[in-house]
Amino acid sequence: MKNKNEEILIEIKNLSKKFSNLKAVDDITFNIYKGESVVIIGANGAGKTTLSEMLSGVSKPSSGKINYTFGNNKIEIAKNIGIQFQDNSFPNGVGVKDLINFYASIYNVDLNSPDIKETFKIFNMDELMDRPAANMSGGQRQRLNVLLSFLHKPKLLLLDEVSTGLDIKSRNFIRDFLKDIIKGNKITLILVSHNMNEAEFLCDRLILMEKGKIINDQPVKEIVKKFGSLEAYANDYFETMKDTHTNVNKKVGVK
C-alpha cells in the first residue's frame, strides 16, 4: 500500500529470511510511514514474527534491504525502536527496579521527569518496584514489557502478541494505554497479533502474510467497510485457507 502524501519511516526492498530450505520471509517489498499503525496477521508460520525481528534489527535478513530514515547504524536503530516480543519471562533474581534502571541508563532516560513519573503512576509501578520480575503475574510482566518498550519514546514501536494470555482487565488497560501514547507521541506502530478486535482498535493498516509473502496490504477502514470487522475478514480468510487445504488433501489422498 503506497501513500505518496506521507513521509516514509522504513523502506523494505526484496527482503528475505531463509532457514535451511525454508524461506520464512520471501522477497517482500513495502514501506512503513511515519505515524501509522500497522497490524501484521497470518497463520502460524506465515513469517510475521520473523519479519518483525528483522525490522527491529534483532535478526539479519538473508537478502534484501531495510532502510531506516532515522539512521541505519546500530545506535540509531536501538535509540529509535522500542520492542516487545512474545516471550515475557525474566531471569530469576532480577528486580523490576533493576530492569527499569538498566533500560533508563542505556537510553539516558530521566526517571524523575514528570511524564515518566506519570507513566509509572498509570501503570501502578510503585506496587511492583521492589518485586522480583520473574515472580509477577502474566499481566504484570506484560505491563512491565510494554513500559520498557516505550520508556525512551521511540519513533517505532514493535509489539508481538502483546495481549496473549492476559485477562480482560489487563488486556483492555494495555490496549487503551497504547492508543493514547501512540497518538500523543506520534509513534509508528507495528503490531503482530491474532487478536482482531485489538488490531481494529489500534491500527489503520493491515498486512496479511502467507508463506512468507504479503498477500494483502490494505487500510483497515476499507476492510471493515466490506466485511463489517477485521474479525469477520480474518475468519473468512482462515476458512478459505482451511477449505483449500482440505481440497488439496482429498486430491492427494490424505485423510
Protein backbone atom coordinates (compact mmCIF):
# COMPACT_ATOMS: atom_id res chain seq x y z
CA MET A 1 0.00 0.00 0.00
CA LYS A 2 1.55 3.28 -1.10
CA ASN A 3 0.77 6.75 0.18
CA LYS A 4 2.72 9.48 -1.55
CA ASN A 5 1.40 12.10 0.86
CA GLU A 6 3.03 10.51 3.90
CA GLU A 7 6.68 10.51 4.95
CA ILE A 8 8.44 7.16 4.82
CA LEU A 9 9.92 5.86 8.07
CA ILE A 10 11.21 2.48 6.81
CA GLU A 11 11.82 1.22 3.27
CA ILE A 12 11.80 -2.55 2.82
CA LYS A 13 13.07 -3.89 -0.52
CA ASN A 14 13.21 -7.53 -1.67
CA LEU A 15 13.51 -8.72 1.93
CA SER A 16 14.03 -12.45 2.56
CA LYS A 17 14.95 -14.64 5.51
CA LYS A 18 15.93 -18.25 4.96
CA PHE A 19 16.34 -21.06 7.50
CA SER A 20 17.91 -24.11 5.81
CA ASN A 21 15.48 -24.86 2.97
CA LEU A 22 12.64 -22.77 4.41
CA LYS A 23 12.02 -19.17 3.35
CA ALA A 24 10.27 -17.66 6.38
CA VAL A 25 10.10 -14.30 4.58
CA ASP A 26 10.16 -14.43 0.81
CA ASP A 27 11.22 -11.39 -1.25
CA ILE A 28 8.80 -8.77 0.09
CA THR A 29 8.82 -5.04 -0.65
CA PHE A 30 6.80 -2.35 1.12
CA ASN A 31 7.13 0.90 3.12
CA ILE A 32 6.20 1.88 6.65
CA TYR A 33 5.09 5.50 7.00
CA LYS A 34 5.55 7.87 9.91
CA GLY A 35 2.70 7.91 12.39
CA GLU A 36 0.76 4.97 11.01
CA SER A 37 -0.27 1.87 12.93
CA VAL A 38 0.16 -1.41 11.06
CA VAL A 39 -1.06 -4.85 12.08
CA ILE A 40 0.63 -7.91 10.55
CA ILE A 41 -1.55 -11.02 10.54
CA GLY A 42 -1.38 -14.53 9.12
CA ALA A 43 -1.43 -18.17 10.12
CA ASN A 44 1.28 -19.64 12.35
CA GLY A 45 4.47 -19.89 10.30
CA ALA A 46 3.44 -17.16 7.86
CA GLY A 47 6.57 -15.13 8.65
CA LYS A 48 5.09 -12.44 10.90
CA THR A 49 7.48 -12.70 13.84
CA THR A 50 10.49 -13.26 11.58
CA LEU A 51 9.63 -10.06 9.73
CA SER A 52 9.24 -8.06 12.95
CA GLU A 53 12.56 -9.40 14.25
CA MET A 54 14.31 -8.19 11.08
CA LEU A 55 12.60 -4.79 11.25
CA SER A 56 13.73 -4.42 14.86
CA GLY A 57 17.34 -5.19 13.98
CA VAL A 58 17.37 -8.33 16.16
CA SER A 59 17.69 -10.64 13.14
CA LYS A 60 19.62 -10.04 9.92
CA PRO A 61 18.00 -10.61 6.52
CA SER A 62 19.33 -13.34 4.26
CA SER A 63 18.91 -10.91 1.38
CA GLY A 64 17.27 -7.59 0.59
CA LYS A 65 17.46 -4.22 2.34
CA ILE A 66 15.87 -2.34 5.22
CA ASN A 67 16.45 1.42 5.17
CA TYR A 68 15.54 3.46 8.26
CA THR A 69 15.13 7.15 7.53
CA PHE A 70 16.15 7.98 11.13
CA GLY A 71 19.56 6.31 10.61
CA ASN A 72 20.92 2.88 9.78
CA ASN A 73 23.70 2.31 12.32
CA LYS A 74 23.08 0.14 15.38
CA ILE A 75 22.95 3.07 17.79
CA GLU A 76 20.33 4.97 15.79
CA ILE A 77 18.23 1.84 15.32
CA ALA A 78 18.33 0.98 19.04
CA LYS A 79 17.55 4.56 20.04
CA ASN A 80 14.52 4.90 17.77
CA ILE A 81 12.89 1.46 18.10
CA GLY A 82 11.00 0.02 21.06
CA ILE A 83 10.45 -3.75 21.13
CA GLN A 84 8.13 -6.13 22.96
CA PHE A 85 8.29 -9.77 21.91
CA GLN A 86 6.04 -12.73 22.76
CA ASP A 87 8.33 -14.07 25.49
CA ASN A 88 7.68 -12.10 28.68
CA SER A 89 9.84 -14.19 31.01
CA PHE A 90 12.59 -12.62 33.13
CA PRO A 91 15.68 -14.18 34.76
CA ASN A 92 15.49 -15.16 38.42
CA GLY A 93 16.89 -12.66 40.87
CA VAL A 94 16.34 -9.57 38.72
CA GLY A 95 14.07 -6.95 40.27
CA VAL A 96 11.61 -4.69 38.48
CA LYS A 97 13.52 -1.62 39.66
CA ASP A 98 16.78 -3.13 38.36
CA LEU A 99 15.29 -3.64 34.90
CA ILE A 100 13.86 -0.13 34.72
CA ASN A 101 17.14 1.42 35.89
CA PHE A 102 19.06 -0.67 33.35
CA TYR A 103 16.87 0.45 30.45
CA ALA A 104 16.97 4.06 31.64
CA SER A 105 20.79 4.02 31.75
CA ILE A 106 21.03 2.59 28.23
CA TYR A 107 18.67 5.15 26.71
CA ASN A 108 19.62 8.05 29.01
CA VAL A 109 16.07 8.38 30.33
CA ASP A 110 15.40 10.74 33.24
CA LEU A 111 13.24 8.65 35.56
CA ASN A 112 12.43 11.76 37.62
CA SER A 113 10.85 13.63 34.72
CA PRO A 114 7.15 14.46 35.24
CA ASP A 115 5.95 12.45 32.22
CA ILE A 116 7.85 9.32 33.30
CA LYS A 117 6.52 9.62 36.84
CA GLU A 118 3.00 9.97 35.45
CA THR A 119 3.52 6.87 33.31
CA PHE A 120 4.66 4.89 36.35
CA LYS A 121 1.53 6.06 38.16
CA ILE A 122 -0.74 4.99 35.30
CA PHE A 123 0.95 1.58 35.20
CA ASN A 124 0.79 1.21 39.02
CA MET A 125 4.51 0.52 39.04
CA ASP A 126 5.03 1.63 42.65
CA GLU A 127 3.44 -1.60 43.85
CA LEU A 128 5.83 -3.65 41.69
CA MET A 129 9.15 -1.81 42.03
CA ASP A 130 10.56 -3.96 44.83
CA ARG A 131 9.38 -7.30 43.43
CA PRO A 132 11.43 -9.88 41.53
CA ALA A 133 10.35 -9.61 37.89
CA ALA A 134 10.13 -13.38 37.47
CA ASN A 135 7.56 -13.68 40.28
CA MET A 136 4.98 -11.34 38.75
CA SER A 137 1.75 -12.48 37.14
CA GLY A 138 1.43 -12.63 33.34
CA GLY A 139 -0.47 -9.35 33.27
CA GLN A 140 2.10 -7.62 35.47
CA ARG A 141 5.00 -8.88 33.35
CA GLN A 142 3.30 -7.66 30.20
CA ARG A 143 2.67 -4.26 31.77
CA LEU A 144 6.40 -4.06 32.50
CA ASN A 145 7.30 -5.24 28.98
CA VAL A 146 5.13 -2.57 27.38
CA LEU A 147 6.51 0.08 29.72
CA LEU A 148 10.12 -0.83 28.88
CA SER A 149 9.39 -0.86 25.13
CA PHE A 150 8.48 2.83 25.00
CA LEU A 151 10.38 4.19 28.04
CA HIS A 152 12.77 6.03 25.68
CA LYS A 153 9.91 7.37 23.49
CA PRO A 154 10.92 5.57 20.28
CA LYS A 155 9.79 6.57 16.82
CA LEU A 156 8.80 2.97 16.06
CA LEU A 157 7.11 0.55 18.46
CA LEU A 158 7.12 -3.18 17.62
CA LEU A 159 4.69 -5.33 19.59
CA ASP A 160 4.30 -9.09 19.13
CA GLU A 161 1.11 -10.65 20.56
CA VAL A 162 1.00 -8.01 23.27
CA SER A 163 -2.26 -9.23 24.85
CA THR A 164 -1.81 -13.01 24.60
CA GLY A 165 -2.65 -14.78 27.86
CA LEU A 166 -3.91 -11.66 29.62
CA ASP A 167 -7.20 -11.32 31.44
CA ILE A 168 -9.79 -8.88 30.10
CA LYS A 169 -8.88 -6.11 32.57
CA SER A 170 -5.14 -6.25 31.75
CA ARG A 171 -5.82 -6.56 28.02
CA ASN A 172 -8.12 -3.53 27.96
CA PHE A 173 -5.73 -1.49 30.10
CA ILE A 174 -2.77 -2.10 27.77
CA ARG A 175 -4.88 -1.58 24.64
CA ASP A 176 -6.27 1.77 25.85
CA PHE A 177 -2.89 2.95 27.08
CA LEU A 178 -1.20 2.10 23.78
CA LYS A 179 -3.84 4.01 21.84
CA ASP A 180 -3.19 7.09 23.96
CA ILE A 181 0.61 7.00 23.88
CA ILE A 182 0.74 6.26 20.15
CA LYS A 183 -1.47 9.24 19.34
CA GLY A 184 0.02 11.52 21.97
CA ASN A 185 3.64 10.88 20.97
CA LYS A 186 3.10 10.31 17.23
CA ILE A 187 4.66 6.86 17.47
CA THR A 188 4.61 4.49 14.49
CA LEU A 189 3.26 1.09 15.50
CA ILE A 190 3.87 -2.36 14.01
CA LEU A 191 1.66 -4.91 15.76
CA VAL A 192 1.87 -8.68 15.22
CA SER A 193 -1.40 -10.11 16.50
CA HIS A 194 -4.07 -12.78 16.27
CA ASN A 195 -6.47 -10.55 18.21
CA MET A 196 -8.53 -8.82 15.53
CA ASN A 197 -10.53 -6.67 17.96
CA GLU A 198 -7.27 -5.30 19.33
CA ALA A 199 -5.90 -4.78 15.81
CA GLU A 200 -9.02 -2.94 14.67
CA PHE A 201 -8.91 -0.71 17.75
CA LEU A 202 -5.22 0.18 17.40
CA CYS A 203 -4.36 0.00 13.70
CA ASP A 204 -5.18 1.81 10.47
CA ARG A 205 -3.42 -0.57 8.06
CA LEU A 206 -3.37 -4.36 7.71
CA ILE A 207 -0.69 -6.55 6.15
CA LEU A 208 -1.67 -10.19 5.62
CA MET A 209 1.16 -12.70 5.18
CA GLU A 210 1.05 -16.23 3.86
CA LYS A 211 4.10 -18.49 3.45
CA GLY A 212 6.48 -15.55 3.77
CA LYS A 213 4.68 -13.42 1.18
CA ILE A 214 2.45 -10.36 1.56
CA ILE A 215 -0.90 -11.26 0.01
CA ASN A 216 -2.88 -8.21 1.16
CA ASP A 217 -1.87 -4.69 2.20
CA GLN A 218 -4.93 -2.55 2.81
CA PRO A 219 -6.38 0.20 5.04
CA VAL A 220 -8.33 -1.25 7.97
CA LYS A 221 -11.30 1.04 7.28
CA GLU A 222 -11.68 -0.44 3.77
CA ILE A 223 -11.70 -3.99 5.16
CA VAL A 224 -14.18 -3.08 7.89
CA LYS A 225 -16.43 -1.38 5.33
CA LYS A 226 -16.53 -4.55 3.24
CA PHE A 227 -16.59 -7.26 5.94
CA GLY A 228 -18.03 -5.41 8.95
CA SER A 229 -14.96 -6.05 11.12
CA LEU A 230 -11.40 -7.36 11.00
CA GLU A 231 -12.63 -10.41 12.91
CA ALA A 232 -15.04 -11.26 10.08
CA TYR A 233 -12.31 -10.67 7.49
CA ALA A 234 -9.85 -12.94 9.32
CA ASN A 235 -12.48 -15.65 9.79
CA ASP A 236 -13.29 -15.54 6.08
CA TYR A 237 -9.60 -15.79 5.17
CA PHE A 238 -8.82 -18.68 7.52
CA GLU A 239 -11.95 -20.59 6.48
CA THR A 240 -10.87 -20.22 2.85
CA MET A 241 -7.39 -21.50 3.76
CA LYS A 242 -8.94 -24.45 5.60
CA ASP A 243 -11.17 -25.34 2.63
CA THR A 244 -8.25 -25.09 0.21
CA HIS A 245 -6.09 -27.32 2.42
CA THR A 246 -8.92 -29.88 2.71
CA ASN A 247 -9.43 -29.97 -1.07
CA VAL A 248 -5.71 -30.45 -1.72
CA ASN A 249 -5.58 -33.31 0.81
CA LYS A 250 -8.52 -35.01 -0.90
CA LYS A 251 -6.79 -34.80 -4.28
CA VAL A 252 -3.61 -36.42 -2.99
CA GLY A 253 -5.46 -38.95 -0.84
CA VAL A 254 -4.57 -37.56 2.60
CA LYS A 255 -7.19 -38.13 5.31
